[in-house]
Amino acid sequence: MRVGWKKAGSHVEIWIEDEGPGLSNTANLFVPFFTTKPKGSGIGLVLSRQIAEAHGGSLRYAMRIRGGRTQPPEAYTNGDAAVSL
């Protein structure tokens, strides 16, 4: 797992990367109370996004570009996690 950040104007971008395969279906990722976990509540990412947005930020999920390169969040496409606060 890697965590990084950079200053972007008056904001700070924070990203979290792992080596996992990503998610095959992200359509319901930020849908309240939707979960694929047997004991999940479906509020974790929704609540995290609301907190980020309440502070003028955002939370998004982006697929890391494969090939051994680490890309900054603006180079991501739908897939692995990227958070901008």
PDB file of N, CA and C in Angstrom:
ATOM      1  N   MET A   1       0.844  -1.160   0.000  1.00  0.00           N
ATOM      2  CA  MET A   1       0.000   0.000   0.000  1.00  0.00           C
ATOM      3  C   MET A   1       0.897   1.232   0.000  1.00  0.00           C
ATOM      4  N   ARG A   2       0.482   2.227  -0.776  1.00  0.00           N
ATOM      5  CA  ARG A   2       1.197   3.500  -0.833  1.00  0.00           C
ATOM      6  C   ARG A   2       0.210   4.633  -0.579  1.00  0.00           C
ATOM      7  N   VAL A   3       0.666   5.623   0.155  1.00  0.00           N
ATOM      8  CA  VAL A   3      -0.122   6.818   0.415  1.00  0.00           C
ATOM      9  C   VAL A   3       0.716   8.005  -0.032  1.00  0.00           C
ATOM     10  N   GLY A   4       0.105   8.942  -0.711  1.00  0.00           N
ATOM     11  CA  GLY A   4       0.832  10.117  -1.171  1.00  0.00           C
ATOM     12  C   GLY A   4      -0.030  11.349  -1.100  1.00  0.00           C
ATOM     13  N   TRP A   5       0.592  12.494  -1.267  1.00  0.00           N
ATOM     14  CA  TRP A   5      -0.140  13.757  -1.264  1.00  0.00           C
ATOM     15  C   TRP A   5       0.632  14.790  -2.063  1.00  0.00           C
ATOM     16  N   LYS A   6      -0.085  15.819  -2.484  1.00  0.00           N
ATOM     17  CA  LYS A   6       0.549  16.967  -3.117  1.00  0.00           C
ATOM     18  C   LYS A   6      -0.351  18.176  -2.932  1.00  0.00           C
ATOM     19  N   LYS A   7       0.257  19.332  -2.876  1.00  0.00           N
ATOM     20  CA  LYS A   7      -0.483  20.584  -2.777  1.00  0.00           C
ATOM     21  C   LYS A   7      -0.968  20.941  -4.175  1.00  0.00           C
ATOM     22  N   ALA A   8      -2.220  21.288  -4.295  1.00  0.00           N
ATOM     23  CA  ALA A   8      -2.822  21.654  -5.575  1.00  0.00           C
ATOM     24  C   ALA A   8      -3.585  22.962  -5.380  1.00  0.00           C
ATOM     25  N   GLY A   9      -2.899  24.078  -5.560  1.00  0.00           N
ATOM     26  CA  GLY A   9      -3.529  25.373  -5.311  1.00  0.00           C
ATOM     27  C   GLY A   9      -3.812  25.522  -3.832  1.00  0.00           C
ATOM     28  N   SER A  10      -5.060  25.772  -3.501  1.00  0.00           N
ATOM     29  CA  SER A  10      -5.438  25.931  -2.096  1.00  0.00           C
ATOM     30  C   SER A  10      -5.881  24.613  -1.460  1.00  0.00           C
ATOM     31  N   HIS A  11      -5.769  23.511  -2.206  1.00  0.00           N
ATOM     32  CA  HIS A  11      -6.184  22.199  -1.713  1.00  0.00           C
ATOM     33  C   HIS A  11      -4.985  21.265  -1.599  1.00  0.00           C
ATOM     34  N   VAL A  12      -5.210  20.162  -0.937  1.00  0.00           N
ATOM     35  CA  VAL A  12      -4.232  19.085  -0.870  1.00  0.00           C
ATOM     36  C   VAL A  12      -4.891  17.841  -1.449  1.00  0.00           C
ATOM     37  N   GLU A  13      -4.212  17.169  -2.372  1.00  0.00           N
ATOM     38  CA  GLU A  13      -4.704  15.907  -2.921  1.00  0.00           C
ATOM     39  C   GLU A  13      -4.014  14.775  -2.189  1.00  0.00           C
ATOM     40  N   ILE A  14      -4.801  13.828  -1.720  1.00  0.00           N
ATOM     41  CA  ILE A  14      -4.295  12.659  -1.008  1.00  0.00           C
ATOM     42  C   ILE A  14      -4.731  11.432  -1.786  1.00  0.00           C
ATOM     43  N   TRP A  15      -3.817  10.490  -2.006  1.00  0.00           N
ATOM     44  CA  TRP A  15      -4.220   9.265  -2.684  1.00  0.00           C
ATOM     45  C   TRP A  15      -3.679   8.056  -1.940  1.00  0.00           C
ATOM     46  N   ILE A  16      -4.421   6.973  -2.085  1.00  0.00           N
ATOM     47  CA  ILE A  16      -4.088   5.701  -1.458  1.00  0.00           C
ATOM     48  C   ILE A  16      -4.101   4.663  -2.562  1.00  0.00           C
ATOM     49  N   GLU A  17      -3.007   3.946  -2.704  1.00  0.00           N
ATOM     50  CA  GLU A  17      -2.896   2.920  -3.746  1.00  0.00           C
ATOM     51  C   GLU A  17      -2.577   1.577  -3.115  1.00  0.00           C
ATOM     52  N   ASP A  18      -3.102   0.533  -3.709  1.00  0.00           N
ATOM     53  CA  ASP A  18      -2.712  -0.813  -3.312  1.00  0.00           C
ATOM     54  C   ASP A  18      -2.416  -1.615  -4.569  1.00  0.00           C
ATOM     55  N   GLU A  19      -2.054  -2.851  -4.403  1.00  0.00           N
ATOM     56  CA  GLU A  19      -1.726  -3.713  -5.539  1.00  0.00           C
ATOM     57  C   GLU A  19      -2.861  -4.673  -5.871  1.00  0.00           C
ATOM     58  N   GLY A  20      -4.038  -4.409  -5.315  1.00  0.00           N
ATOM     59  CA  GLY A  20      -5.176  -5.285  -5.539  1.00  0.00           C
ATOM     60  C   GLY A  20      -5.686  -5.219  -6.970  1.00  0.00           C
ATOM     61  N   PRO A  21      -6.584  -6.131  -7.335  1.00  0.00           N
ATOM     62  CA  PRO A  21      -7.091  -6.208  -8.703  1.00  0.00           C
ATOM     63  C   PRO A  21      -8.108  -5.122  -9.042  1.00  0.00           C
ATOM     64  N   GLY A  22      -8.528  -4.342  -8.075  1.00  0.00           N
ATOM     65  CA  GLY A  22      -9.575  -3.352  -8.324  1.00  0.00           C
ATOM     66  C   GLY A  22     -10.944  -3.993  -8.204  1.00  0.00           C
ATOM     67  N   LEU A  23     -11.958  -3.234  -8.453  1.00  0.00           N
ATOM     68  CA  LEU A  23     -13.330  -3.731  -8.371  1.00  0.00           C
ATOM     69  C   LEU A  23     -13.869  -3.962  -9.774  1.00  0.00           C
ATOM     70  N   SER A  24     -14.588  -5.049  -9.941  1.00  0.00           N
ATOM     71  CA  SER A  24     -15.140  -5.353 -11.264  1.00  0.00           C
ATOM     72  C   SER A  24     -16.402  -4.554 -11.554  1.00  0.00           C
ATOM     73  N   ASN A  25     -17.151  -4.155 -10.524  1.00  0.00           N
ATOM     74  CA  ASN A  25     -18.380  -3.397 -10.719  1.00  0.00           C
ATOM     75  C   ASN A  25     -18.410  -2.249  -9.719  1.00  0.00           C
ATOM     76  N   THR A  26     -18.287  -1.035 -10.207  1.00  0.00           N
ATOM     77  CA  THR A  26     -18.267   0.130  -9.319  1.00  0.00           C
ATOM     78  C   THR A  26     -19.554   0.945  -9.389  1.00  0.00           C
ATOM     79  N   ALA A  27     -20.561   0.437 -10.071  1.00  0.00           N
ATOM     80  CA  ALA A  27     -21.801   1.181 -10.279  1.00  0.00           C
ATOM     81  C   ALA A  27     -22.476   1.594  -8.969  1.00  0.00           C
ATOM     82  N   ASN A  28     -22.396   0.763  -7.940  1.00  0.00           N
ATOM     83  CA  ASN A  28     -23.071   1.046  -6.673  1.00  0.00           C
ATOM     84  C   ASN A  28     -22.107   1.454  -5.566  1.00  0.00           C
ATOM     85  N   LEU A  29     -20.893   1.817  -5.921  1.00  0.00           N
ATOM     86  CA  LEU A  29     -19.848   2.088  -4.938  1.00  0.00           C
ATOM     87  C   LEU A  29     -20.236   3.164  -3.932  1.00  0.00           C
ATOM     88  N   PHE A  30     -20.902   4.211  -4.372  1.00  0.00           N
ATOM     89  CA  PHE A  30     -21.281   5.311  -3.479  1.00  0.00           C
ATOM     90  C   PHE A  30     -22.787   5.380  -3.239  1.00  0.00           C
ATOM     91  N   VAL A  31     -23.482   4.265  -3.444  1.00  0.00           N
ATOM     92  CA  VAL A  31     -24.920   4.194  -3.189  1.00  0.00           C
ATOM     93  C   VAL A  31     -25.133   3.886  -1.707  1.00  0.00           C
ATOM     94  N   PRO A  32     -25.878   4.753  -0.994  1.00  0.00           N
ATOM     95  CA  PRO A  32     -26.098   4.513   0.439  1.00  0.00           C
ATOM     96  C   PRO A  32     -26.732   3.151   0.708  1.00  0.00           C
ATOM     97  N   PHE A  33     -26.215   2.468   1.692  1.00  0.00           N
ATOM     98  CA  PHE A  33     -26.706   1.181   2.191  1.00  0.00           C
ATOM     99  C   PHE A  33     -26.515   0.015   1.227  1.00  0.00           C
ATOM    100  N   PHE A  34     -25.811   0.215   0.115  1.00  0.00           N
ATOM    101  CA  PHE A  34     -25.484  -0.894  -0.767  1.00  0.00           C
ATOM    102  C   PHE A  34     -24.187  -1.520  -0.281  1.00  0.00           C
ATOM    103  N   THR A  35     -24.179  -2.828  -0.127  1.00  0.00           N
ATOM    104  CA  THR A  35     -22.971  -3.523   0.306  1.00  0.00           C
ATOM    105  C   THR A  35     -22.901  -4.900  -0.332  1.00  0.00           C
ATOM    106  N   THR A  36     -21.688  -5.374  -0.502  1.00  0.00           N
ATOM    107  CA  THR A  36     -21.477  -6.746  -0.974  1.00  0.00           C
ATOM    108  C   THR A  36     -20.940  -7.610   0.152  1.00  0.00           C
ATOM    109  N   LYS A  37     -20.749  -7.000   1.326  1.00  0.00           N
ATOM    110  CA  LYS A  37     -20.217  -7.726   2.489  1.00  0.00           C
ATOM    111  C   LYS A  37     -21.365  -8.282   3.326  1.00  0.00           C
ATOM    112  N   PRO A  38     -21.242  -9.516   3.815  1.00  0.00           N
ATOM    113  CA  PRO A  38     -22.325 -10.118   4.604  1.00  0.00           C
ATOM    114  C   PRO A  38     -22.737  -9.288   5.811  1.00  0.00           C
ATOM    115  N   LYS A  39     -21.793  -8.644   6.475  1.00  0.00           N
ATOM    116  CA  LYS A  39     -22.127  -7.843   7.656  1.00  0.00           C
ATOM    117  C   LYS A  39     -21.890  -6.357   7.412  1.00  0.00           C
ATOM    118  N   GLY A  40     -21.852  -5.943   6.155  1.00  0.00           N
ATOM    119  CA  GLY A  40     -21.613  -4.541   5.819  1.00  0.00           C
ATOM    120  C   GLY A  40     -22.861  -3.699   5.978  1.00  0.00           C
ATOM    121  N   SER A  41     -22.662  -2.407   6.206  1.00  0.00           N
ATOM    122  CA  SER A  41     -23.791  -1.493   6.340  1.00  0.00           C
ATOM    123  C   SER A  41     -23.977  -0.623   5.101  1.00  0.00           C
ATOM    124  N   GLY A  42     -22.939  -0.499   4.274  1.00  0.00           N
ATOM    125  CA  GLY A  42     -23.039   0.311   3.073  1.00  0.00           C
ATOM    126  C   GLY A  42     -22.984   1.804   3.322  1.00  0.00           C
ATOM    127  N   ILE A  43     -22.433   2.216   4.469  1.00  0.00           N
ATOM    128  CA  ILE A  43     -22.356   3.653   4.732  1.00  0.00           C
ATOM    129  C   ILE A  43     -20.928   4.195   4.744  1.00  0.00           C
ATOM    130  N   GLY A  44     -19.916   3.349   4.717  1.00  0.00           N
ATOM    131  CA  GLY A  44     -18.528   3.788   4.843  1.00  0.00           C
ATOM    132  C   GLY A  44     -18.078   4.772   3.783  1.00  0.00           C
ATOM    133  N   LEU A  45     -18.151   4.395   2.522  1.00  0.00           N
ATOM    134  CA  LEU A  45     -17.705   5.286   1.456  1.00  0.00           C
ATOM    135  C   LEU A  45     -18.654   6.461   1.258  1.00  0.00           C
ATOM    136  N   VAL A  46     -19.950   6.227   1.440  1.00  0.00           N
ATOM    137  CA  VAL A  46     -20.932   7.298   1.301  1.00  0.00           C
ATOM    138  C   VAL A  46     -20.671   8.371   2.349  1.00  0.00           C
ATOM    139  N   LEU A  47     -20.486   7.954   3.589  1.00  0.00           N
ATOM    140  CA  LEU A  47     -20.221   8.898   4.677  1.00  0.00           C
ATOM    141  C   LEU A  47     -18.882   9.604   4.464  1.00  0.00           C
ATOM    142  N   SER A  48     -17.870   8.871   4.044  1.00  0.00           N
ATOM    143  CA  SER A  48     -16.564   9.475   3.772  1.00  0.00           C
ATOM    144  C   SER A  48     -16.662  10.540   2.692  1.00  0.00           C
ATOM    145  N   ARG A  49     -17.424  10.260   1.643  1.00  0.00           N
ATOM    146  CA  ARG A  49     -17.607  11.241   0.568  1.00  0.00           C
ATOM    147  C   ARG A  49     -18.332  12.477   1.079  1.00  0.00           C
ATOM    148  N   GLN A  50     -19.365  12.279   1.884  1.00  0.00           N
ATOM    149  CA  GLN A  50     -20.113  13.417   2.424  1.00  0.00           C
ATOM    150  C   GLN A  50     -19.227  14.287   3.309  1.00  0.00           C
ATOM    151  N   ILE A  51     -18.381  13.681   4.115  1.00  0.00           N
ATOM    152  CA  ILE A  51     -17.470  14.444   4.976  1.00  0.00           C
ATOM    153  C   ILE A  51     -16.487  15.237   4.120  1.00  0.00           C
ATOM    154  N   ALA A  52     -15.902  14.584   3.105  1.00  0.00           N
ATOM    155  CA  ALA A  52     -14.964  15.283   2.228  1.00  0.00           C
ATOM    156  C   ALA A  52     -15.650  16.458   1.534  1.00  0.00           C
ATOM    157  N   GLU A  53     -16.854  16.247   1.017  1.00  0.00           N
ATOM    158  CA  GLU A  53     -17.569  17.304   0.307  1.00  0.00           C
ATOM    159  C   GLU A  53     -17.980  18.436   1.245  1.00  0.00           C
ATOM    160  N   ALA A  54     -18.305  18.120   2.494  1.00  0.00           N
ATOM    161  CA  ALA A  54     -18.667  19.151   3.474  1.00  0.00           C
ATOM    162  C   ALA A  54     -17.493  20.080   3.763  1.00  0.00           C
ATOM    163  N   HIS A  55     -16.290  19.603   3.483  1.00  0.00           N
ATOM    164  CA  HIS A  55     -15.088  20.404   3.697  1.00  0.00           C
ATOM    165  C   HIS A  55     -14.509  20.920   2.381  1.00  0.00           C
ATOM    166  N   GLY A  56     -15.326  20.911   1.331  1.00  0.00           N
ATOM    167  CA  GLY A  56     -14.898  21.433   0.040  1.00  0.00           C
ATOM    168  C   GLY A  56     -14.051  20.483  -0.774  1.00  0.00           C
ATOM    169  N   GLY A  57     -14.056  19.211  -0.417  1.00  0.00           N
ATOM    170  CA  GLY A  57     -13.244  18.224  -1.121  1.00  0.00           C
ATOM    171  C   GLY A  57     -14.085  17.249  -1.909  1.00  0.00           C
ATOM    172  N   SER A  58     -13.491  16.130  -2.260  1.00  0.00           N
ATOM    173  CA  SER A  58     -14.200  15.091  -2.996  1.00  0.00           C
ATOM    174  C   SER A  58     -13.575  13.742  -2.693  1.00  0.00           C
ATOM    175  N   LEU A  59     -14.292  12.691  -2.998  1.00  0.00           N
ATOM    176  CA  LEU A  59     -13.807  11.322  -2.857  1.00  0.00           C
ATOM    177  C   LEU A  59     -14.210  10.592  -4.120  1.00  0.00           C
ATOM    178  N   ARG A  60     -13.254   9.944  -4.757  1.00  0.00           N
ATOM    179  CA  ARG A  60     -13.576   9.196  -5.970  1.00  0.00           C
ATOM    180  C   ARG A  60     -12.761   7.913  -6.006  1.00  0.00           C
ATOM    181  N   TYR A  61     -13.203   6.998  -6.838  1.00  0.00           N
ATOM    182  CA  TYR A  61     -12.536   5.725  -7.046  1.00  0.00           C
ATOM    183  C   TYR A  61     -11.980   5.746  -8.454  1.00  0.00           C
ATOM    184  N   ALA A  62     -10.707   5.426  -8.622  1.00  0.00           N
ATOM    185  CA  ALA A  62     -10.100   5.463  -9.954  1.00  0.00           C
ATOM    186  C   ALA A  62      -9.187   4.264 -10.136  1.00  0.00           C
ATOM    187  N   MET A  63      -9.202   3.675 -11.334  1.00  0.00           N
ATOM    188  CA  MET A  63      -8.355   2.529 -11.651  1.00  0.00           C
ATOM    189  C   MET A  63      -6.944   3.001 -11.942  1.00  0.00           C
ATOM    190  N   ARG A  64      -5.992   2.420 -11.283  1.00  0.00           N
ATOM    191  CA  ARG A  64      -4.584   2.739 -11.511  1.00  0.00           C
ATOM    192  C   ARG A  64      -4.181   2.221 -12.888  1.00  0.00           C
ATOM    193  N   ILE A  65      -3.415   2.984 -13.614  1.00  0.00           N
ATOM    194  CA  ILE A  65      -2.895   2.543 -14.902  1.00  0.00           C
ATOM    195  C   ILE A  65      -1.845   1.475 -14.630  1.00  0.00           C
ATOM    196  N   ARG A  66      -1.976   0.337 -15.252  1.00  0.00           N
ATOM    197  CA  ARG A  66      -1.062  -0.786 -15.018  1.00  0.00           C
ATOM    198  C   ARG A  66       0.267  -0.581 -15.756  1.00  0.00           C
ATOM    199  N   GLY A  67       1.235  -1.430 -15.495  1.00  0.00           N
ATOM    200  CA  GLY A  67       2.500  -1.370 -16.200  1.00  0.00           C
ATOM    201  C   GLY A  67       3.660  -0.939 -15.327  1.00  0.00           C
ATOM    202  N   GLY A  68       3.497  -1.018 -13.994  1.00  0.00           N
ATOM    203  CA  GLY A  68       4.594  -0.716 -13.105  1.00  0.00           C
ATOM    204  C   GLY A  68       4.817   0.756 -12.837  1.00  0.00           C
ATOM    205  N   ARG A  69       3.962   1.611 -13.385  1.00  0.00           N
ATOM    206  CA  ARG A  69       4.115   3.043 -13.162  1.00  0.00           C
ATOM    207  C   ARG A  69       3.133   3.509 -12.108  1.00  0.00           C
ATOM    208  N   THR A  70       3.578   4.396 -11.251  1.00  0.00           N
ATOM    209  CA  THR A  70       2.667   5.046 -10.321  1.00  0.00           C
ATOM    210  C   THR A  70       2.255   6.362 -10.951  1.00  0.00           C
ATOM    211  N   GLN A  71       0.969   6.567 -11.086  1.00  0.00           N
ATOM    212  CA  GLN A  71       0.466   7.769 -11.729  1.00  0.00           C
ATOM    213  C   GLN A  71      -0.170   8.683 -10.696  1.00  0.00           C
ATOM    214  N   PRO A  72      -0.066   9.989 -10.870  1.00  0.00           N
ATOM    215  CA  PRO A  72      -0.783  10.912  -9.991  1.00  0.00           C
ATOM    216  C   PRO A  72      -2.281  10.766 -10.204  1.00  0.00           C
ATOM    217  N   PRO A  73      -3.098  11.217  -9.246  1.00  0.00           N
ATOM    218  CA  PRO A  73      -4.552  11.019  -9.356  1.00  0.00           C
ATOM    219  C   PRO A  73      -5.161  11.522 -10.652  1.00  0.00           C
ATOM    220  N   GLU A  74      -4.654  12.606 -11.225  1.00  0.00           N
ATOM    221  CA  GLU A  74      -5.277  13.122 -12.446  1.00  0.00           C
ATOM    222  C   GLU A  74      -5.053  12.196 -13.632  1.00  0.00           C
ATOM    223  N   ALA A  75      -4.147  11.226 -13.523  1.00  0.00           N
ATOM    224  CA  ALA A  75      -3.892  10.277 -14.619  1.00  0.00           C
ATOM    225  C   ALA A  75      -4.683   8.988 -14.444  1.00  0.00           C
ATOM    226  N   TYR A  76      -5.510   8.895 -13.432  1.00  0.00           N
ATOM    227  CA  TYR A  76      -6.274   7.679 -13.177  1.00  0.00           C
ATOM    228  C   TYR A  76      -7.508   7.649 -14.073  1.00  0.00           C
ATOM    229  N   THR A  77      -7.998   6.436 -14.320  1.00  0.00           N
ATOM    230  CA  THR A  77      -9.287   6.246 -14.957  1.00  0.00           C
ATOM    231  C   THR A  77     -10.109   5.420 -13.977  1.00  0.00           C
ATOM    232  N   ASN A  78     -11.355   5.130 -14.244  1.00  0.00           N
ATOM    233  CA  ASN A  78     -12.202   4.406 -13.278  1.00  0.00           C
ATOM    234  C   ASN A  78     -11.530   3.130 -12.781  1.00  0.00           C
ATOM    235  N   GLY A  79     -11.389   2.984 -11.464  1.00  0.00           N
ATOM    236  CA  GLY A  79     -10.769   1.800 -10.879  1.00  0.00           C
ATOM    237  C   GLY A  79     -10.275   1.999  -9.465  1.00  0.00           C
ATOM    238  N   ASP A  80      -8.960   1.937  -9.193  1.00  0.00           N
ATOM    239  CA  ASP A  80      -8.411   1.980  -7.834  1.00  0.00           C
ATOM    240  C   ASP A  80      -8.676   3.325  -7.144  1.00  0.00           C
ATOM    241  N   ALA A  81      -8.595   3.313  -5.837  1.00  0.00           N
ATOM    242  CA  ALA A  81      -9.020   4.467  -5.041  1.00  0.00           C
ATOM    243  C   ALA A  81      -8.123   5.679  -5.188  1.00  0.00           C
ATOM    244  N   ALA A  82      -8.736   6.812  -5.286  1.00  0.00           N
ATOM    245  CA  ALA A  82      -8.043   8.103  -5.229  1.00  0.00           C
ATOM    246  C   ALA A  82      -8.934   9.046  -4.452  1.00  0.00           C
ATOM    247  N   VAL A  83      -8.364   9.779  -3.538  1.00  0.00           N
ATOM    248  CA  VAL A  83      -9.132  10.699  -2.711  1.00  0.00           C
ATOM    249  C   VAL A  83      -8.562  12.085  -2.897  1.00  0.00           C
ATOM    250  N   SER A  84      -9.392  13.060  -3.135  1.00  0.00           N
ATOM    251  CA  SER A  84      -8.961  14.455  -3.190  1.00  0.00           C
ATOM    252  C   SER A  84      -9.684  15.206  -2.099  1.00  0.00           C
ATOM    253  N   LEU A  85      -8.946  15.826  -1.214  1.00  0.00           N
ATOM    254  CA  LEU A  85      -9.530  16.614  -0.124  1.00  0.00           C
ATOM    255  C   LEU A  85      -9.085  18.045  -0.225  1.00  0.00           C
TER     256      LEU A  85
END
